[in-house]
Amino acid sequence: DEVKAVIELASFSRFSDTHRLFLEQLMESVGIVLNTIAATMRTEGLLKQSQLLTSELQSRQTELTKKQEELHATNEELQEKAQLLENEKKQVENKNLEIEMARRALEEKAEQLALTSKYKSEFLANMSHELRTPLNSLLILSNLLATNQQGNLNDKQIDFARTINSAGTDLLSLINDILDLSKIESGTVSIEINDMPLAHLRQHME
């Protein structure tokens, strides 16, 4: 048994048996009351503690819910950014593919142009050679006729020969220019840039 309380009683006369019996019965009732009060106090303490724990739990639950909502919002934002990055990555890949295709197309065009230029240069060189051979013979013959060393041509025939020689010379110069251009395009000749007096250029044009 545990002592809960002590009650001290005093009387001017001696306690009788009746008094003692009454006190014994009263002691049991007082014990019950004290136990009830103690139990009530413990219950109130536990209730307050439970209320505090419940309030703290609710506060933590609210905070946890808020954190979960923030986390959910962050996850959604991250997913949106990830999707945006994925879309941008696909756009960059598509753009790189387009650039690569355009580069290949340009390379093919460049190869075709180079091949065409080569064929053209070869054609011009061949044609120039084929034209220069008979043209040189024509110039020699027309020059001989224009000089009239035999003295058997009249003035009109001599003028015709001179005209043929002059036109042939101009044509040969044009063929040589075309041949030079074809050599430049094919890379078999280089261009030298030098100063030229205007007087020389004028004499050449005359």
Foldseek 3Di string as FASTA:
>chain_A
DDDDDDDDDDDPDDDDPVNVVVVVVVVVVVVVVSVVVVVVVVVVVVVVVVVVVVVVVVVVVVVVVVVVVVVVVVVVVVVVVVVVVVVVVVVVVVVVVVVVVVVVVVVVVVVVVLVVLLVVLVVLLVVLVVVVVVLVVLLVVLVCLLVCPVVPDDPVSNVVSVVSNVVSVVVNVVSVVSNVVSCVSNVVDDDDDDDDDVVVVVVVVD
